[in-house]
Amino acid sequence: MNYALKDIPERPEKPRTLGFTMAMDKGMSLRETEDFLEVNAEYTDIVKLGWGTSYLTPKLDQKIRIYESADIPVYFGGTLFEAFLVRNQLDDYRRLLDKYQLQYAEVSDGSIDLEHDRKCDIIRLLSEQVTVLSEVGSKDEEKIIPPYKWIQLMKKELEAGAWKVIGEARESGNVGLFRATGEVRSGLVEEILTEIPFEKIIWEAPQKAQQVWFIKLLGANVNLGNIAPQEIIALETIRLGLRGDTFAHFLK
C-alpha cells in the first residue's frame, strides 16, 4: 500500500482461500494481459478464460504462461467443459487440461442437462487430475432452482471433491443468484449460508451493487467471481471501505 490508514479490514496474503477474487478474461490480448497484471496481480487470485473464448484466443499458451508467471492460475470457463461433454469428448477435455498444464478446472451444467450423479462422478474423476471448481445454477433465467435444491447440489459436489462451489450468475449478473434486474435473491443466499460454509462458495457478482451487497453481508473476505479486469482495484476498494458504498461499514 502507498500510505497508512487506520481501521482498514485485514486481507489475507496470497495465496489465499478467503477473500478470493476471480477475474473474467473475455479475450484480452497478450499486451492487455501484461498491462492488467502490472496493476492488478496483487489483488487477483485466479483468472477464468470466459465461456469458450479460449477456443479462439490467439497465442493461448503464451497468455496462460504470462498469468502463471505472476502466480495467478488460469482455468477454462465451464461452458467450454460443457461443449466438450455434450459432444462426448470428456477424454479430449482432460487431455486439453494436460496440454496447457492447467491446475484448475470448472465443472458446470448451466447450459446442458446433466444428471447430477454423473456430474459428481466427473468431479471425482477430474479431482484426481486438477483442483475442481463446480458451478451450481442455470444460465436459463426461466429455470428457478429452489434454495433447498441449491444446498443439496452444493453439498454433494463438495463431497464429490470440489474445492469450492460457484454460485451461477453469468458474466451479466442477471440469472441464478440474481433476478433479471440484477437484484440479489437475498433469501436464497441467506438460506444457502445456513448449510454451506461461506469460505466454500465463490459468488459470481459482476455488478458493483452485487459486490457491495455480499461484502456488507459477509465482510471484506467474501469470495467473489466474474469480476471484469478493469474492476479489480475498484472491488478491492469496496472490500476495504475506500469507496462510498462501504465507506462507513468498516469504521470503528
Protein backbone atom coordinates (compact mmCIF):
# COMPACT_ATOMS: atom_id res chain seq x y z
CA MET A 1 0.00 0.00 0.00
CA ASN A 2 1.15 3.52 -0.72
CA TYR A 3 0.39 5.00 2.72
CA ALA A 4 -1.10 4.11 6.11
CA LEU A 5 -4.76 4.32 7.10
CA LYS A 6 -6.37 3.12 10.32
CA ASP A 7 -9.41 0.82 10.50
CA ILE A 8 -8.78 -0.91 7.20
CA PRO A 9 -10.09 -4.51 7.11
CA GLU A 10 -7.38 -7.16 7.22
CA ARG A 11 -6.94 -9.07 3.97
CA PRO A 12 -5.11 -12.43 3.87
CA GLU A 13 -1.93 -12.54 1.83
CA LYS A 14 -1.79 -14.57 -1.36
CA PRO A 15 -2.12 -17.45 -1.90
CA ARG A 16 -5.39 -17.24 -0.01
CA THR A 17 -8.61 -19.21 0.19
CA LEU A 18 -10.67 -16.40 1.74
CA GLY A 19 -11.34 -13.07 0.11
CA PHE A 20 -10.77 -14.78 -3.22
CA THR A 21 -11.18 -12.61 -6.34
CA MET A 22 -11.74 -14.39 -9.64
CA ALA A 23 -11.29 -12.21 -12.73
CA MET A 24 -13.08 -12.90 -16.00
CA ASP A 25 -10.88 -12.65 -19.12
CA LYS A 26 -13.16 -12.34 -22.15
CA GLY A 27 -10.36 -12.39 -24.72
CA MET A 28 -7.66 -9.89 -23.78
CA SER A 29 -4.54 -9.69 -25.95
CA LEU A 30 -1.10 -10.59 -24.60
CA ARG A 31 -0.29 -6.89 -24.19
CA GLU A 32 -3.57 -6.26 -22.39
CA THR A 33 -2.86 -9.22 -20.13
CA GLU A 34 0.56 -7.85 -19.22
CA ASP A 35 -0.91 -4.40 -18.57
CA PHE A 36 -3.67 -5.95 -16.44
CA LEU A 37 -1.13 -7.82 -14.31
CA GLU A 38 1.08 -4.76 -13.82
CA VAL A 39 -1.77 -3.11 -11.94
CA ASN A 40 -3.93 -5.95 -10.63
CA ALA A 41 -1.78 -9.03 -9.94
CA GLU A 42 -1.67 -8.36 -6.19
CA TYR A 43 -5.47 -8.33 -5.98
CA THR A 44 -6.32 -11.20 -8.36
CA ASP A 45 -6.32 -14.80 -7.15
CA ILE A 46 -7.39 -16.71 -10.25
CA VAL A 47 -8.46 -15.95 -13.83
CA LYS A 48 -11.23 -17.62 -15.79
CA LEU A 49 -10.99 -17.55 -19.57
CA GLY A 50 -14.68 -16.91 -20.04
CA TRP A 51 -17.03 -19.48 -21.57
CA GLY A 52 -15.45 -20.73 -24.84
CA THR A 53 -13.12 -17.80 -25.54
CA SER A 54 -10.03 -20.00 -25.19
CA TYR A 55 -11.08 -21.81 -28.39
CA LEU A 56 -10.46 -18.58 -30.33
CA THR A 57 -7.79 -16.77 -28.30
CA PRO A 58 -4.54 -16.34 -30.28
CA LYS A 59 -1.31 -17.46 -28.57
CA LEU A 60 -3.29 -19.14 -25.81
CA ASP A 61 -0.29 -20.95 -24.39
CA GLN A 62 1.66 -17.69 -24.09
CA LYS A 63 -1.27 -15.99 -22.35
CA ILE A 64 -1.56 -18.79 -19.78
CA ARG A 65 2.19 -18.63 -19.09
CA ILE A 66 2.00 -14.84 -18.60
CA TYR A 67 -0.66 -15.29 -15.93
CA GLU A 68 1.23 -18.11 -14.26
CA SER A 69 4.45 -16.07 -14.22
CA ALA A 70 2.54 -13.72 -11.90
CA ASP A 71 1.48 -16.71 -9.73
CA ILE A 72 -2.10 -16.45 -10.95
CA PRO A 73 -3.62 -19.76 -12.08
CA VAL A 74 -5.95 -19.90 -15.08
CA TYR A 75 -8.87 -22.13 -15.92
CA PHE A 76 -11.27 -22.56 -18.82
CA GLY A 77 -14.88 -21.43 -18.45
CA GLY A 78 -17.46 -24.03 -17.56
CA THR A 79 -19.27 -23.58 -20.87
CA LEU A 80 -16.20 -24.98 -22.64
CA PHE A 81 -16.31 -28.04 -20.38
CA GLU A 82 -19.98 -28.45 -21.30
CA ALA A 83 -19.19 -28.07 -25.01
CA PHE A 84 -16.74 -30.97 -24.77
CA LEU A 85 -19.06 -33.09 -22.62
CA VAL A 86 -22.14 -32.70 -24.80
CA ARG A 87 -20.01 -33.90 -27.77
CA ASN A 88 -18.81 -36.96 -25.82
CA GLN A 89 -15.27 -35.55 -25.67
CA LEU A 90 -14.54 -35.69 -21.95
CA ASP A 91 -11.27 -37.54 -22.54
CA ASP A 92 -10.26 -34.86 -25.06
CA TYR A 93 -11.03 -32.22 -22.44
CA ARG A 94 -8.82 -33.98 -19.91
CA ARG A 95 -6.01 -34.08 -22.46
CA LEU A 96 -6.54 -30.36 -23.08
CA LEU A 97 -6.02 -29.64 -19.37
CA ASP A 98 -2.75 -31.58 -19.52
CA LYS A 99 -1.65 -29.90 -22.74
CA TYR A 100 -1.89 -26.45 -21.17
CA GLN A 101 -0.69 -27.67 -17.75
CA LEU A 102 -3.71 -26.21 -16.00
CA GLN A 103 -4.09 -26.68 -12.26
CA TYR A 104 -7.84 -25.94 -12.12
CA ALA A 105 -10.97 -26.92 -14.00
CA GLU A 106 -14.59 -25.89 -13.75
CA VAL A 107 -17.39 -28.44 -13.89
CA SER A 108 -20.77 -26.92 -14.68
CA ASP A 109 -24.12 -27.73 -16.21
CA GLY A 110 -25.58 -24.27 -16.75
CA SER A 111 -26.25 -24.78 -20.46
CA ILE A 112 -26.84 -28.55 -20.66
CA ASP A 113 -28.96 -31.16 -18.91
CA LEU A 114 -26.55 -33.29 -16.88
CA GLU A 115 -27.72 -35.92 -14.44
CA HIS A 116 -26.34 -34.89 -11.07
CA ASP A 117 -24.81 -38.23 -10.16
CA ARG A 118 -22.93 -38.08 -13.46
CA LYS A 119 -21.75 -34.57 -12.65
CA CYS A 120 -20.44 -35.74 -9.27
CA ASP A 121 -18.69 -38.69 -10.95
CA ILE A 122 -16.92 -36.23 -13.28
CA ILE A 123 -15.92 -34.07 -10.32
CA ARG A 124 -14.37 -37.14 -8.67
CA LEU A 125 -12.57 -38.07 -11.87
CA LEU A 126 -11.18 -34.60 -12.58
CA SER A 127 -10.20 -34.14 -8.92
CA GLU A 128 -7.56 -36.80 -9.48
CA GLN A 129 -6.03 -34.54 -12.14
CA VAL A 130 -6.70 -30.92 -11.10
CA THR A 131 -8.39 -28.78 -8.46
CA VAL A 132 -12.09 -28.65 -9.32
CA LEU A 133 -14.40 -25.66 -9.05
CA SER A 134 -18.00 -26.76 -9.55
CA GLU A 135 -20.70 -24.35 -10.59
CA VAL A 136 -24.26 -24.60 -9.35
CA GLY A 137 -27.18 -22.86 -11.06
CA SER A 138 -28.62 -22.45 -14.52
CA LYS A 139 -27.95 -19.89 -17.24
CA ASP A 140 -31.63 -20.12 -18.18
CA GLU A 141 -33.40 -17.21 -16.46
CA GLU A 142 -36.68 -19.15 -16.65
CA LYS A 143 -35.24 -22.02 -14.60
CA ILE A 144 -35.63 -21.16 -10.91
CA ILE A 145 -33.91 -23.60 -8.55
CA PRO A 146 -35.36 -23.59 -5.02
CA PRO A 147 -32.98 -22.94 -2.10
CA TYR A 148 -33.14 -26.48 -0.71
CA LYS A 149 -32.01 -27.79 -4.11
CA TRP A 150 -29.07 -25.36 -4.28
CA ILE A 151 -27.97 -26.60 -0.85
CA GLN A 152 -28.39 -30.24 -1.82
CA LEU A 153 -26.40 -29.81 -5.05
CA MET A 154 -23.61 -27.83 -3.37
CA LYS A 155 -23.24 -30.38 -0.58
CA LYS A 156 -22.99 -33.30 -2.96
CA GLU A 157 -20.47 -31.55 -5.22
CA LEU A 158 -18.25 -30.62 -2.28
CA GLU A 159 -18.47 -34.20 -1.04
CA ALA A 160 -17.50 -35.40 -4.53
CA GLY A 161 -14.25 -33.44 -4.33
CA ALA A 162 -14.95 -29.89 -5.48
CA TRP A 163 -12.57 -27.45 -3.77
CA LYS A 164 -15.17 -24.67 -3.92
CA VAL A 165 -18.61 -24.29 -5.41
CA ILE A 166 -19.52 -21.33 -7.61
CA GLY A 167 -22.92 -19.63 -7.46
CA GLU A 168 -24.01 -19.04 -11.07
CA ALA A 169 -24.76 -15.52 -12.26
CA ARG A 170 -23.26 -15.40 -15.79
CA GLU A 171 -20.98 -12.53 -16.76
CA SER A 172 -24.02 -10.23 -16.83
CA GLY A 173 -25.22 -10.96 -13.27
CA ASN A 174 -28.90 -11.47 -14.10
CA VAL A 175 -29.57 -15.20 -13.63
CA GLY A 176 -29.09 -17.82 -10.93
CA LEU A 177 -28.32 -15.92 -7.72
CA PHE A 178 -29.90 -12.80 -9.15
CA ARG A 179 -33.19 -11.68 -10.63
CA ALA A 180 -33.34 -10.41 -14.21
CA THR A 181 -32.90 -6.87 -12.82
CA GLY A 182 -29.60 -7.85 -11.17
CA GLU A 183 -31.16 -7.76 -7.68
CA VAL A 184 -29.76 -10.39 -5.30
CA ARG A 185 -32.09 -13.23 -4.38
CA SER A 186 -31.27 -12.49 -0.77
CA GLY A 187 -33.46 -15.20 0.74
CA LEU A 188 -31.73 -17.79 -1.43
CA VAL A 189 -28.24 -16.63 -0.40
CA GLU A 190 -29.08 -16.49 3.28
CA GLU A 191 -30.63 -19.95 3.19
CA ILE A 192 -27.60 -21.41 1.40
CA LEU A 193 -25.39 -19.96 4.12
CA THR A 194 -27.28 -21.87 6.83
CA GLU A 195 -25.87 -25.11 5.40
CA ILE A 196 -22.78 -24.32 3.29
CA PRO A 197 -19.69 -22.65 4.86
CA PHE A 198 -19.20 -19.24 3.25
CA GLU A 199 -15.50 -19.92 2.63
CA LYS A 200 -16.50 -22.81 0.35
CA ILE A 201 -18.50 -20.59 -2.00
CA ILE A 202 -17.44 -18.22 -4.77
CA TRP A 203 -20.32 -15.88 -5.53
CA GLU A 204 -20.37 -14.65 -9.13
CA ALA A 205 -21.05 -10.94 -8.72
CA PRO A 206 -20.08 -8.90 -11.79
CA GLN A 207 -22.13 -5.82 -10.87
CA LYS A 208 -20.96 -3.28 -8.28
CA ALA A 209 -24.23 -3.33 -6.34
CA GLN A 210 -23.96 -7.12 -6.05
CA GLN A 211 -20.37 -6.91 -4.78
CA VAL A 212 -21.40 -4.31 -2.19
CA TRP A 213 -24.29 -6.50 -1.02
CA PHE A 214 -22.08 -9.54 -0.45
CA ILE A 215 -19.33 -7.54 1.27
CA LYS A 216 -21.82 -5.93 3.64
CA LEU A 217 -23.32 -9.34 4.40
CA LEU A 218 -20.14 -11.43 4.72
CA GLY A 219 -17.28 -8.97 5.15
CA ALA A 220 -14.20 -7.94 3.24
CA ASN A 221 -13.07 -11.53 2.73
CA VAL A 222 -16.03 -12.96 0.88
CA ASN A 223 -15.10 -14.90 -2.29
CA LEU A 224 -16.28 -13.11 -5.43
CA GLY A 225 -16.07 -14.05 -9.10
CA ASN A 226 -16.75 -12.94 -12.66
CA ILE A 227 -15.09 -9.61 -11.93
CA ALA A 228 -14.22 -7.59 -15.02
CA PRO A 229 -10.45 -6.95 -15.35
CA GLN A 230 -10.92 -3.18 -15.20
CA GLU A 231 -12.94 -3.51 -11.96
CA ILE A 232 -10.41 -5.45 -9.83
CA ILE A 233 -8.97 -2.46 -7.93
CA ALA A 234 -12.45 -0.92 -7.70
CA LEU A 235 -13.64 -4.12 -6.00
CA GLU A 236 -10.67 -4.06 -3.63
CA THR A 237 -11.60 -0.53 -2.54
CA ILE A 238 -15.11 -1.77 -1.76
CA ARG A 239 -13.60 -4.60 0.30
CA LEU A 240 -11.52 -2.05 2.27
CA GLY A 241 -14.16 0.63 2.81
CA LEU A 242 -12.44 3.06 0.46
CA ARG A 243 -15.44 3.66 -1.75
CA GLY A 244 -18.63 5.44 -0.77
CA ASP A 245 -20.70 2.25 -0.91
CA THR A 246 -18.90 0.71 2.11
CA PHE A 247 -17.18 3.81 3.48
CA ALA A 248 -18.80 3.68 6.92
CA HIS A 249 -19.22 -0.07 7.06
CA PHE A 250 -15.76 -0.86 8.41
CA LEU A 251 -15.15 2.24 10.57
CA LYS A 252 -14.90 1.53 14.28
